[in-house]
Amino acid sequence: MTTMNLAKTDSYGFFDIPDDKWKQIKRESRAIIDLQDDIGAETAYLLSQSGANIHSNLWWSENWKVNFRCQNQVNIGGNWLCDPSRLITAVTEKAKTTGRKGLKKRKPQEESESQCVVYISGGGEMEFAHHFLDYSLARMIELQMFGDSSQVGVGSGLVACEVHVFTPHGQEILDERDGLFFHHWGFRPSVKESMGLAAYNTTTIAFKTLEDTIAELKHSGRVSILVVDCESCEWDLYRDILSLKEPIQQVMLQMHGTPFMANELFLAMQEAGYVIFHREAEHSGGREVYDYSWLKLSPSFFNWKV
């Protein structure tokens, strides 16, 4: 008899994969992570000697490659997500256990009810927002057609997930649809207080910390996906991501340049239980730019006795 307990335990209930296949995925991850430990030590000198990024190409070619095999990667609006269909399914399953019959349509300023909240700032945010909501709606319709339609209110214009777009530079917003919300600030690392006020208007807050944003919008424990392209602030912002009381399940960051502390970010993400399921180089005028996608797993995943 096939059991699926290991994957559920190791992924906080996200994956529903037979134990034998999950054990193989864990073995593959162990081999890559163990190899990275050796490579990181052997190539650390490249960072210490690359003040002008002289050796950065070599460092990137050797370090921090994909270390987790997500069986259902999907590119949505230019960002790679791990099994987003499962994310939508999990929302409906949670609705069943809580007795809710879906999510009500709301005005933009009303308090959030969705257990699936997506944050995106920078990097073609509108394309991603619309594509993700289209995907979410299609998945909800599929569940309504082939699952328990009493728990999925697609016919009433309900949505499984909300996408919150953060635009710090006062862009005019023309797009409106259910599930799409706009906020006129971006994310700043908590250590960069000088990024708080907009230069053109000293009374306008152009940037807020991730923690303050989640608290203000009452999204604690609800943010499932975070997508950020902040032109190098990621090298500080990751600390704020990891310090959240309720972790974010999937994190997509665009990495710019190769600072001497580059290893610190990746090591911290790994130690916090994040695995890399996608990595892709971007072409940006000769500058090192890489898109990374991480997935949060339980500490039990890193118990290699499988």
C-alpha atoms as a PDB file:
ATOM      1  CA  MET A   1       0.000   0.000   0.000  1.00  0.00           C
ATOM      2  CA  THR A   2       1.386   3.379  -1.065  1.00  0.00           C
ATOM      3  CA  THR A   3       1.667   5.990   1.660  1.00  0.00           C
ATOM      4  CA  MET A   4       2.262   9.722   1.336  1.00  0.00           C
ATOM      5  CA  ASN A   5       3.019  10.700   4.905  1.00  0.00           C
ATOM      6  CA  LEU A   6       6.660  11.735   4.448  1.00  0.00           C
ATOM      7  CA  ALA A   7       6.039  14.406   1.820  1.00  0.00           C
ATOM      8  CA  LYS A   8       3.186  15.929   3.788  1.00  0.00           C
ATOM      9  CA  THR A   9       5.257  16.032   6.955  1.00  0.00           C
ATOM     10  CA  ASP A  10       8.346  17.467   5.255  1.00  0.00           C
ATOM     11  CA  SER A  11       6.418  20.159   3.349  1.00  0.00           C
ATOM     12  CA  TYR A  12       3.935  21.383   5.959  1.00  0.00           C
ATOM     13  CA  GLY A  13       1.220  19.499   4.081  1.00  0.00           C
ATOM     14  CA  PHE A  14       1.964  21.081   0.697  1.00  0.00           C
ATOM     15  CA  PHE A  15       3.078  18.006  -1.253  1.00  0.00           C
ATOM     16  CA  ASP A  16       1.066  14.844  -1.755  1.00  0.00           C
ATOM     17  CA  ILE A  17       3.733  12.504  -3.166  1.00  0.00           C
ATOM     18  CA  PRO A  18       4.235   8.749  -2.558  1.00  0.00           C
ATOM     19  CA  ASP A  19       6.890   8.027   0.048  1.00  0.00           C
ATOM     20  CA  ASP A  20       9.193   6.144  -2.325  1.00  0.00           C
ATOM     21  CA  LYS A  21       9.314   9.037  -4.809  1.00  0.00           C
ATOM     22  CA  TRP A  22       9.744  11.566  -2.007  1.00  0.00           C
ATOM     23  CA  LYS A  23      12.694   9.593  -0.582  1.00  0.00           C
ATOM     24  CA  GLN A  24      14.377   9.781  -3.988  1.00  0.00           C
ATOM     25  CA  ILE A  25      13.846  13.561  -4.115  1.00  0.00           C
ATOM     26  CA  LYS A  26      15.415  13.849  -0.652  1.00  0.00           C
ATOM     27  CA  ARG A  27      18.422  11.768  -1.702  1.00  0.00           C
ATOM     28  CA  GLU A  28      18.952  14.010  -4.726  1.00  0.00           C
ATOM     29  CA  SER A  29      18.743  17.131  -2.574  1.00  0.00           C
ATOM     30  CA  ARG A  30      21.183  15.718  -0.041  1.00  0.00           C
ATOM     31  CA  ALA A  31      23.773  15.022  -2.728  1.00  0.00           C
ATOM     32  CA  ILE A  32      23.543  18.555  -4.128  1.00  0.00           C
ATOM     33  CA  ILE A  33      23.545  20.265  -0.718  1.00  0.00           C
ATOM     34  CA  ASP A  34      26.519  18.220   0.481  1.00  0.00           C
ATOM     35  CA  LEU A  35      28.381  19.078  -2.728  1.00  0.00           C
ATOM     36  CA  GLN A  36      27.595  22.790  -2.279  1.00  0.00           C
ATOM     37  CA  ASP A  37      29.145  22.685   1.186  1.00  0.00           C
ATOM     38  CA  ASP A  38      32.434  21.568  -0.381  1.00  0.00           C
ATOM     39  CA  ILE A  39      32.226  23.934  -3.359  1.00  0.00           C
ATOM     40  CA  GLY A  40      31.359  26.897  -1.141  1.00  0.00           C
ATOM     41  CA  ALA A  41      34.495  26.383   0.914  1.00  0.00           C
ATOM     42  CA  GLU A  42      36.675  25.880  -2.157  1.00  0.00           C
ATOM     43  CA  THR A  43      35.412  28.993  -3.992  1.00  0.00           C
ATOM     44  CA  ALA A  44      35.062  31.417  -1.077  1.00  0.00           C
ATOM     45  CA  TYR A  45      38.314  33.091  -2.155  1.00  0.00           C
ATOM     46  CA  LEU A  46      36.606  34.245  -5.370  1.00  0.00           C
ATOM     47  CA  LEU A  47      34.301  36.502  -3.361  1.00  0.00           C
ATOM     48  CA  SER A  48      37.044  37.899  -1.143  1.00  0.00           C
ATOM     49  CA  GLN A  49      39.073  38.823  -4.234  1.00  0.00           C
ATOM     50  CA  SER A  50      36.239  40.126  -6.405  1.00  0.00           C
ATOM     51  CA  GLY A  51      35.720  43.680  -5.200  1.00  0.00           C
ATOM     52  CA  ALA A  52      35.117  44.660  -8.810  1.00  0.00           C
ATOM     53  CA  ASN A  53      33.319  41.405  -9.613  1.00  0.00           C
ATOM     54  CA  ILE A  54      36.418  40.183 -11.433  1.00  0.00           C
ATOM     55  CA  HIS A  55      35.725  36.558 -10.576  1.00  0.00           C
ATOM     56  CA  SER A  56      31.948  36.745 -10.218  1.00  0.00           C
ATOM     57  CA  ASN A  57      31.107  34.748 -13.346  1.00  0.00           C
ATOM     58  CA  LEU A  58      33.212  31.854 -12.106  1.00  0.00           C
ATOM     59  CA  TRP A  59      31.635  32.027  -8.646  1.00  0.00           C
ATOM     60  CA  TRP A  60      28.096  31.916 -10.037  1.00  0.00           C
ATOM     61  CA  SER A  61      28.952  29.057 -12.386  1.00  0.00           C
ATOM     62  CA  GLU A  62      30.009  26.897  -9.428  1.00  0.00           C
ATOM     63  CA  ASN A  63      27.712  27.896  -6.576  1.00  0.00           C
ATOM     64  CA  TRP A  64      24.109  27.637  -5.419  1.00  0.00           C
ATOM     65  CA  LYS A  65      22.452  25.651  -8.143  1.00  0.00           C
ATOM     66  CA  VAL A  66      19.018  24.045  -7.965  1.00  0.00           C
ATOM     67  CA  ASN A  67      18.932  21.650  -5.001  1.00  0.00           C
ATOM     68  CA  PHE A  68      15.307  20.513  -5.020  1.00  0.00           C
ATOM     69  CA  ARG A  69      13.327  18.827  -7.778  1.00  0.00           C
ATOM     70  CA  CYS A  70       9.875  20.380  -7.926  1.00  0.00           C
ATOM     71  CA  GLN A  71       7.849  18.043 -10.113  1.00  0.00           C
ATOM     72  CA  ASN A  72       5.411  20.703 -11.276  1.00  0.00           C
ATOM     73  CA  GLN A  73       7.216  23.954 -11.988  1.00  0.00           C
ATOM     74  CA  VAL A  74       5.103  26.550 -13.767  1.00  0.00           C
ATOM     75  CA  ASN A  75       6.222  29.827 -15.307  1.00  0.00           C
ATOM     76  CA  ILE A  76       3.590  32.454 -14.596  1.00  0.00           C
ATOM     77  CA  GLY A  77       4.240  35.926 -15.922  1.00  0.00           C
ATOM     78  CA  GLY A  78       7.987  35.374 -16.014  1.00  0.00           C
ATOM     79  CA  ASN A  79       8.286  33.872 -12.512  1.00  0.00           C
ATOM     80  CA  TRP A  80       8.744  30.182 -11.772  1.00  0.00           C
ATOM     81  CA  LEU A  81       6.442  28.781  -9.082  1.00  0.00           C
ATOM     82  CA  CYS A  82       6.430  25.322  -7.544  1.00  0.00           C
ATOM     83  CA  ASP A  83       3.133  23.494  -8.039  1.00  0.00           C
ATOM     84  CA  PRO A  84       0.808  26.527  -7.948  1.00  0.00           C
ATOM     85  CA  SER A  85      -2.156  24.255  -8.651  1.00  0.00           C
ATOM     86  CA  ARG A  86      -1.518  22.575  -5.315  1.00  0.00           C
ATOM     87  CA  LEU A  87      -1.487  26.000  -3.680  1.00  0.00           C
ATOM     88  CA  ILE A  88      -5.000  26.704  -4.973  1.00  0.00           C
ATOM     89  CA  THR A  89      -6.189  23.251  -3.941  1.00  0.00           C
ATOM     90  CA  ALA A  90      -4.854  23.782  -0.430  1.00  0.00           C
ATOM     91  CA  VAL A  91      -6.937  26.959  -0.136  1.00  0.00           C
ATOM     92  CA  THR A  92     -10.150  25.109  -0.927  1.00  0.00           C
ATOM     93  CA  GLU A  93      -9.217  22.283   1.434  1.00  0.00           C
ATOM     94  CA  LYS A  94      -8.680  24.789   4.207  1.00  0.00           C
ATOM     95  CA  ALA A  95     -12.053  26.355   3.419  1.00  0.00           C
ATOM     96  CA  LYS A  96     -13.671  22.965   3.967  1.00  0.00           C
ATOM     97  CA  THR A  97     -12.053  22.468   7.364  1.00  0.00           C
ATOM     98  CA  THR A  98     -13.066  25.961   8.500  1.00  0.00           C
ATOM     99  CA  GLY A  99     -16.598  25.698   7.164  1.00  0.00           C
ATOM    100  CA  ARG A 100     -16.194  28.607   4.748  1.00  0.00           C
ATOM    101  CA  LYS A 101     -17.708  28.307   1.278  1.00  0.00           C
ATOM    102  CA  GLY A 102     -15.211  30.452  -0.531  1.00  0.00           C
ATOM    103  CA  LEU A 103     -13.998  34.013  -0.494  1.00  0.00           C
ATOM    104  CA  LYS A 104     -16.330  36.972  -0.686  1.00  0.00           C
ATOM    105  CA  LYS A 105     -15.834  39.721  -3.238  1.00  0.00           C
ATOM    106  CA  ARG A 106     -14.476  42.764  -1.457  1.00  0.00           C
ATOM    107  CA  LYS A 107     -13.675  46.368  -2.016  1.00  0.00           C
ATOM    108  CA  PRO A 108      -9.935  47.102  -2.199  1.00  0.00           C
ATOM    109  CA  GLN A 109      -9.707  48.592   1.301  1.00  0.00           C
ATOM    110  CA  GLU A 110     -11.640  45.855   3.090  1.00  0.00           C
ATOM    111  CA  GLU A 111      -9.768  43.482   5.379  1.00  0.00           C
ATOM    112  CA  SER A 112      -8.306  40.421   3.682  1.00  0.00           C
ATOM    113  CA  GLU A 113      -9.880  37.005   4.175  1.00  0.00           C
ATOM    114  CA  SER A 114      -7.869  34.982   1.684  1.00  0.00           C
ATOM    115  CA  GLN A 115      -5.483  32.338   2.982  1.00  0.00           C
ATOM    116  CA  CYS A 116      -3.529  32.707  -0.265  1.00  0.00           C
ATOM    117  CA  VAL A 117      -1.943  36.130  -0.547  1.00  0.00           C
ATOM    118  CA  VAL A 118       0.726  37.000  -3.107  1.00  0.00           C
ATOM    119  CA  TYR A 119       3.069  39.996  -2.820  1.00  0.00           C
ATOM    120  CA  ILE A 120       5.000  41.323  -5.804  1.00  0.00           C
ATOM    121  CA  SER A 121       7.146  44.410  -6.190  1.00  0.00           C
ATOM    122  CA  GLY A 122       9.156  45.206  -9.312  1.00  0.00           C
ATOM    123  CA  GLY A 123      10.085  43.092 -12.294  1.00  0.00           C
ATOM    124  CA  GLY A 124       6.995  43.189 -14.518  1.00  0.00           C
ATOM    125  CA  GLU A 125       4.572  43.020 -11.622  1.00  0.00           C
ATOM    126  CA  MET A 126       1.442  43.675 -13.690  1.00  0.00           C
ATOM    127  CA  GLU A 127       2.124  40.854 -16.134  1.00  0.00           C
ATOM    128  CA  PHE A 128       2.660  38.443 -13.260  1.00  0.00           C
ATOM    129  CA  ALA A 129      -0.398  39.685 -11.346  1.00  0.00           C
ATOM    130  CA  HIS A 130      -2.795  39.148 -14.226  1.00  0.00           C
ATOM    131  CA  HIS A 131      -1.323  35.823 -15.296  1.00  0.00           C
ATOM    132  CA  PHE A 132      -1.400  34.510 -11.746  1.00  0.00           C
ATOM    133  CA  LEU A 133      -5.024  35.536 -11.227  1.00  0.00           C
ATOM    134  CA  ASP A 134      -5.938  33.925 -14.567  1.00  0.00           C
ATOM    135  CA  TYR A 135      -4.204  30.730 -13.468  1.00  0.00           C
ATOM    136  CA  SER A 136      -5.888  30.850 -10.073  1.00  0.00           C
ATOM    137  CA  LEU A 137      -9.318  31.302 -11.613  1.00  0.00           C
ATOM    138  CA  ALA A 138      -8.762  28.461 -14.094  1.00  0.00           C
ATOM    139  CA  ARG A 139      -7.737  26.143 -11.255  1.00  0.00           C
ATOM    140  CA  MET A 140     -10.804  27.110  -9.234  1.00  0.00           C
ATOM    141  CA  ILE A 141     -13.039  26.367 -12.224  1.00  0.00           C
ATOM    142  CA  GLU A 142     -11.344  22.983 -12.605  1.00  0.00           C
ATOM    143  CA  LEU A 143     -12.001  22.198  -8.963  1.00  0.00           C
ATOM    144  CA  GLN A 144     -15.606  23.265  -9.362  1.00  0.00           C
ATOM    145  CA  MET A 145     -16.072  21.013 -12.377  1.00  0.00           C
ATOM    146  CA  PHE A 146     -14.328  17.930 -11.025  1.00  0.00           C
ATOM    147  CA  GLY A 147     -14.331  18.405  -7.267  1.00  0.00           C
ATOM    148  CA  ASP A 148     -16.660  19.581  -4.528  1.00  0.00           C
ATOM    149  CA  SER A 149     -18.300  22.609  -6.125  1.00  0.00           C
ATOM    150  CA  SER A 150     -20.115  23.481  -2.919  1.00  0.00           C
ATOM    151  CA  GLN A 151     -16.810  24.730  -1.537  1.00  0.00           C
ATOM    152  CA  VAL A 152     -15.690  26.674  -4.601  1.00  0.00           C
ATOM    153  CA  GLY A 153     -17.728  29.748  -5.441  1.00  0.00           C
ATOM    154  CA  VAL A 154     -16.321  30.511  -8.858  1.00  0.00           C
ATOM    155  CA  GLY A 155     -19.709  31.112 -10.343  1.00  0.00           C
ATOM    156  CA  SER A 156     -20.188  34.047  -7.985  1.00  0.00           C
ATOM    157  CA  GLY A 157     -16.968  35.758  -9.077  1.00  0.00           C
ATOM    158  CA  LEU A 158     -14.933  34.499  -6.137  1.00  0.00           C
ATOM    159  CA  VAL A 159     -11.169  34.118  -6.257  1.00  0.00           C
ATOM    160  CA  ALA A 160      -8.847  31.737  -4.455  1.00  0.00           C
ATOM    161  CA  CYS A 161      -5.892  34.091  -4.118  1.00  0.00           C
ATOM    162  CA  GLU A 162      -5.235  37.796  -3.836  1.00  0.00           C
ATOM    163  CA  VAL A 163      -2.335  39.514  -5.590  1.00  0.00           C
ATOM    164  CA  HIS A 164      -0.998  42.651  -3.931  1.00  0.00           C
ATOM    165  CA  VAL A 165       1.175  44.817  -6.165  1.00  0.00           C
ATOM    166  CA  PHE A 166       3.554  47.293  -4.539  1.00  0.00           C
ATOM    167  CA  THR A 167       4.524  50.291  -6.677  1.00  0.00           C
ATOM    168  CA  PRO A 168       6.726  52.804  -4.804  1.00  0.00           C
ATOM    169  CA  HIS A 169       7.113  55.416  -7.518  1.00  0.00           C
ATOM    170  CA  GLY A 170       3.552  56.674  -7.826  1.00  0.00           C
ATOM    171  CA  GLN A 171       2.718  54.869 -11.047  1.00  0.00           C
ATOM    172  CA  GLU A 172      -0.773  55.400 -12.374  1.00  0.00           C
ATOM    173  CA  ILE A 173      -2.805  52.215 -11.983  1.00  0.00           C
ATOM    174  CA  LEU A 174      -5.280  51.469 -14.751  1.00  0.00           C
ATOM    175  CA  ASP A 175      -5.949  47.779 -14.171  1.00  0.00           C
ATOM    176  CA  GLU A 176      -8.805  46.690 -11.931  1.00  0.00           C
ATOM    177  CA  ARG A 177     -10.168  43.215 -11.322  1.00  0.00           C
ATOM    178  CA  ASP A 178     -11.292  40.975  -8.484  1.00  0.00           C
ATOM    179  CA  GLY A 179      -8.397  39.794  -6.373  1.00  0.00           C
ATOM    180  CA  LEU A 180      -5.959  42.534  -7.488  1.00  0.00           C
ATOM    181  CA  PHE A 181      -4.854  45.226  -5.013  1.00  0.00           C
ATOM    182  CA  PHE A 182      -2.364  48.097  -5.294  1.00  0.00           C
ATOM    183  CA  HIS A 183      -0.224  49.811  -2.690  1.00  0.00           C
ATOM    184  CA  HIS A 184       1.916  52.862  -3.406  1.00  0.00           C
ATOM    185  CA  TRP A 185       5.036  51.781  -1.544  1.00  0.00           C
ATOM    186  CA  GLY A 186       7.805  49.259  -1.998  1.00  0.00           C
ATOM    187  CA  PHE A 187       9.796  47.096   0.397  1.00  0.00           C
ATOM    188  CA  ARG A 188      12.915  48.323   2.125  1.00  0.00           C
ATOM    189  CA  PRO A 189      15.294  46.373   4.338  1.00  0.00           C
ATOM    190  CA  SER A 190      14.783  47.207   7.996  1.00  0.00           C
ATOM    191  CA  VAL A 191      18.423  48.321   8.165  1.00  0.00           C
ATOM    192  CA  LYS A 192      17.845  50.997   5.477  1.00  0.00           C
ATOM    193  CA  GLU A 193      15.681  53.576   7.230  1.00  0.00           C
ATOM    194  CA  SER A 194      16.768  56.287   4.792  1.00  0.00           C
ATOM    195  CA  MET A 195      14.656  54.619   2.101  1.00  0.00           C
ATOM    196  CA  GLY A 196      11.448  55.547   3.922  1.00  0.00           C
ATOM    197  CA  LEU A 197      10.340  58.837   2.356  1.00  0.00           C
ATOM    198  CA  ALA A 198       9.704  59.595  -1.294  1.00  0.00           C
ATOM    199  CA  ALA A 199      12.128  62.196  -2.659  1.00  0.00           C
ATOM    200  CA  TYR A 200       9.397  64.074  -4.483  1.00  0.00           C
ATOM    201  CA  ASN A 201       7.114  64.347  -1.456  1.00  0.00           C
ATOM    202  CA  THR A 202       8.524  64.264   2.065  1.00  0.00           C
ATOM    203  CA  THR A 203       5.129  63.376   3.536  1.00  0.00           C
ATOM    204  CA  THR A 204       4.709  60.255   1.404  1.00  0.00           C
ATOM    205  CA  ILE A 205       6.085  56.921   2.546  1.00  0.00           C
ATOM    206  CA  ALA A 206       7.640  55.343  -0.539  1.00  0.00           C
ATOM    207  CA  PHE A 207       9.069  52.274   1.209  1.00  0.00           C
ATOM    208  CA  LYS A 208       8.043  50.201   4.218  1.00  0.00           C
ATOM    209  CA  THR A 209       9.514  47.114   5.787  1.00  0.00           C
ATOM    210  CA  LEU A 210       8.028  43.760   4.923  1.00  0.00           C
ATOM    211  CA  GLU A 211       7.050  43.209   8.556  1.00  0.00           C
ATOM    212  CA  ASP A 212       5.257  46.572   8.773  1.00  0.00           C
ATOM    213  CA  THR A 213       3.471  45.891   5.497  1.00  0.00           C
ATOM    214  CA  ILE A 214       2.172  42.516   6.597  1.00  0.00           C
ATOM    215  CA  ALA A 215       0.999  43.969   9.914  1.00  0.00           C
ATOM    216  CA  GLU A 216      -0.704  46.952   8.304  1.00  0.00           C
ATOM    217  CA  LEU A 217      -2.563  44.803   5.785  1.00  0.00           C
ATOM    218  CA  LYS A 218      -3.389  42.132   8.397  1.00  0.00           C
ATOM    219  CA  HIS A 219      -1.770  39.391   6.328  1.00  0.00           C
ATOM    220  CA  SER A 220       0.176  37.577   9.046  1.00  0.00           C
ATOM    221  CA  GLY A 221       0.387  33.880   8.206  1.00  0.00           C
ATOM    222  CA  ARG A 222      -1.355  34.409   4.852  1.00  0.00           C
ATOM    223  CA  VAL A 223       1.419  35.417   2.458  1.00  0.00           C
ATOM    224  CA  SER A 224       2.155  32.350   0.352  1.00  0.00           C
ATOM    225  CA  ILE A 225       4.320  33.883  -2.380  1.00  0.00           C
ATOM    226  CA  LEU A 226       6.741  36.821  -2.360  1.00  0.00           C
ATOM    227  CA  VAL A 227       8.245  38.135  -5.610  1.00  0.00           C
ATOM    228  CA  VAL A 228      10.777  40.967  -5.348  1.00  0.00           C
ATOM    229  CA  ASP A 229      13.020  42.714  -7.848  1.00  0.00           C
ATOM    230  CA  CYS A 230      14.520  45.638  -5.932  1.00  0.00           C
ATOM    231  CA  GLU A 231      17.832  46.232  -7.722  1.00  0.00           C
ATOM    232  CA  SER A 232      20.268  44.888  -5.103  1.00  0.00           C
ATOM    233  CA  CYS A 233      18.261  45.495  -1.911  1.00  0.00           C
ATOM    234  CA  GLU A 234      17.756  41.713  -1.824  1.00  0.00           C
ATOM    235  CA  TRP A 235      21.199  41.318  -0.217  1.00  0.00           C
ATOM    236  CA  ASP A 236      19.735  42.982   2.902  1.00  0.00           C
ATOM    237  CA  LEU A 237      16.032  42.216   2.516  1.00  0.00           C
ATOM    238  CA  TYR A 238      16.484  38.469   2.942  1.00  0.00           C
ATOM    239  CA  ARG A 239      17.086  38.947   6.664  1.00  0.00           C
ATOM    240  CA  ASP A 240      13.640  40.521   7.008  1.00  0.00           C
ATOM    241  CA  ILE A 241      12.079  37.636   5.070  1.00  0.00           C
ATOM    242  CA  LEU A 242      13.664  35.105   7.407  1.00  0.00           C
ATOM    243  CA  SER A 243      12.762  37.024  10.573  1.00  0.00           C
ATOM    244  CA  LEU A 244       8.998  36.894   9.930  1.00  0.00           C
ATOM    245  CA  LYS A 245       7.055  35.067  12.635  1.00  0.00           C
ATOM    246  CA  GLU A 246       5.010  33.265   9.969  1.00  0.00           C
ATOM    247  CA  PRO A 247       7.252  32.103   7.092  1.00  0.00           C
ATOM    248  CA  ILE A 248       6.436  32.689   3.437  1.00  0.00           C
ATOM    249  CA  GLN A 249       6.140  29.445   1.494  1.00  0.00           C
ATOM    250  CA  GLN A 250       7.691  30.506  -1.821  1.00  0.00           C
ATOM    251  CA  VAL A 251      10.165  33.333  -2.337  1.00  0.00           C
ATOM    252  CA  MET A 252      11.343  34.655  -5.699  1.00  0.00           C
ATOM    253  CA  LEU A 253      14.239  37.114  -5.699  1.00  0.00           C
ATOM    254  CA  GLN A 254      16.181  38.625  -8.555  1.00  0.00           C
ATOM    255  CA  MET A 255      19.839  38.751  -7.538  1.00  0.00           C
ATOM    256  CA  HIS A 256      21.970  41.653  -8.814  1.00  0.00           C
ATOM    257  CA  GLY A 257      25.750  41.677  -8.770  1.00  0.00           C
ATOM    258  CA  THR A 258      28.020  39.586  -6.574  1.00  0.00           C
ATOM    259  CA  PRO A 259      28.791  41.211  -3.212  1.00  0.00           C
ATOM    260  CA  PHE A 260      31.497  39.703  -1.032  1.00  0.00           C
ATOM    261  CA  MET A 261      28.821  38.465   1.409  1.00  0.00           C
ATOM    262  CA  ALA A 262      26.864  36.600  -1.291  1.00  0.00           C
ATOM    263  CA  ASN A 263      27.302  33.249   0.431  1.00  0.00           C
ATOM    264  CA  GLU A 264      25.648  34.585   3.576  1.00  0.00           C
ATOM    265  CA  LEU A 265      22.276  35.035   1.890  1.00  0.00           C
ATOM    266  CA  PHE A 266      22.181  31.551   0.411  1.00  0.00           C
ATOM    267  CA  LEU A 267      23.433  29.891   3.575  1.00  0.00           C
ATOM    268  CA  ALA A 268      20.859  31.738   5.670  1.00  0.00           C
ATOM    269  CA  MET A 269      18.025  30.747   3.338  1.00  0.00           C
ATOM    270  CA  GLN A 270      19.134  27.105   3.451  1.00  0.00           C
ATOM    271  CA  GLU A 271      19.508  27.077   7.222  1.00  0.00           C
ATOM    272  CA  ALA A 272      15.981  28.493   7.490  1.00  0.00           C
ATOM    273  CA  GLY A 273      14.630  25.528   5.515  1.00  0.00           C
ATOM    274  CA  TYR A 274      14.438  27.021   2.014  1.00  0.00           C
ATOM    275  CA  VAL A 275      15.454  24.913  -0.980  1.00  0.00           C
ATOM    276  CA  ILE A 276      16.200  26.223  -4.473  1.00  0.00           C
ATOM    277  CA  PHE A 277      13.872  24.794  -7.109  1.00  0.00           C
ATOM    278  CA  HIS A 278      14.672  27.195  -9.945  1.00  0.00           C
ATOM    279  CA  ARG A 279      17.587  29.358 -11.004  1.00  0.00           C
ATOM    280  CA  GLU A 280      17.938  31.271 -14.246  1.00  0.00           C
ATOM    281  CA  ALA A 281      20.481  33.785 -15.538  1.00  0.00           C
ATOM    282  CA  GLU A 282      19.216  37.062 -16.984  1.00  0.00           C
ATOM    283  CA  HIS A 283      21.035  39.186 -19.542  1.00  0.00           C
ATOM    284  CA  SER A 284      21.519  42.701 -18.196  1.00  0.00           C
ATOM    285  CA  GLY A 285      24.275  44.610 -19.965  1.00  0.00           C
ATOM    286  CA  GLY A 286      27.086  42.345 -18.799  1.00  0.00           C
ATOM    287  CA  ARG A 287      26.017  42.534 -15.152  1.00  0.00           C
ATOM    288  CA  GLU A 288      25.358  39.369 -13.166  1.00  0.00           C
ATOM    289  CA  VAL A 289      21.594  39.006 -12.692  1.00  0.00           C
ATOM    290  CA  TYR A 290      20.008  35.735 -11.579  1.00  0.00           C
ATOM    291  CA  ASP A 291      16.391  34.808 -10.838  1.00  0.00           C
ATOM    292  CA  TYR A 292      16.034  32.442  -7.884  1.00  0.00           C
ATOM    293  CA  SER A 293      12.978  30.594  -6.603  1.00  0.00           C
ATOM    294  CA  TRP A 294      12.932  29.096  -3.104  1.00  0.00           C
ATOM    295  CA  LEU A 295      10.456  26.795  -1.359  1.00  0.00           C
ATOM    296  CA  LYS A 296      10.098  26.532   2.414  1.00  0.00           C
ATOM    297  CA  LEU A 297      10.263  22.976   3.791  1.00  0.00           C
ATOM    298  CA  SER A 298      10.048  21.524   7.283  1.00  0.00           C
ATOM    299  CA  PRO A 299      13.220  20.774   9.300  1.00  0.00           C
ATOM    300  CA  SER A 300      12.300  17.096   8.955  1.00  0.00           C
ATOM    301  CA  PHE A 301      13.132  17.293   5.231  1.00  0.00           C
ATOM    302  CA  PHE A 302      16.773  17.801   6.127  1.00  0.00           C
ATOM    303  CA  ASN A 303      16.856  14.619   8.174  1.00  0.00           C
ATOM    304  CA  TRP A 304      18.711  12.508   5.633  1.00  0.00           C
ATOM    305  CA  LYS A 305      17.918   9.165   7.262  1.00  0.00           C
ATOM    306  CA  VAL A 306      15.486   8.128   4.552  1.00  0.00           C
END
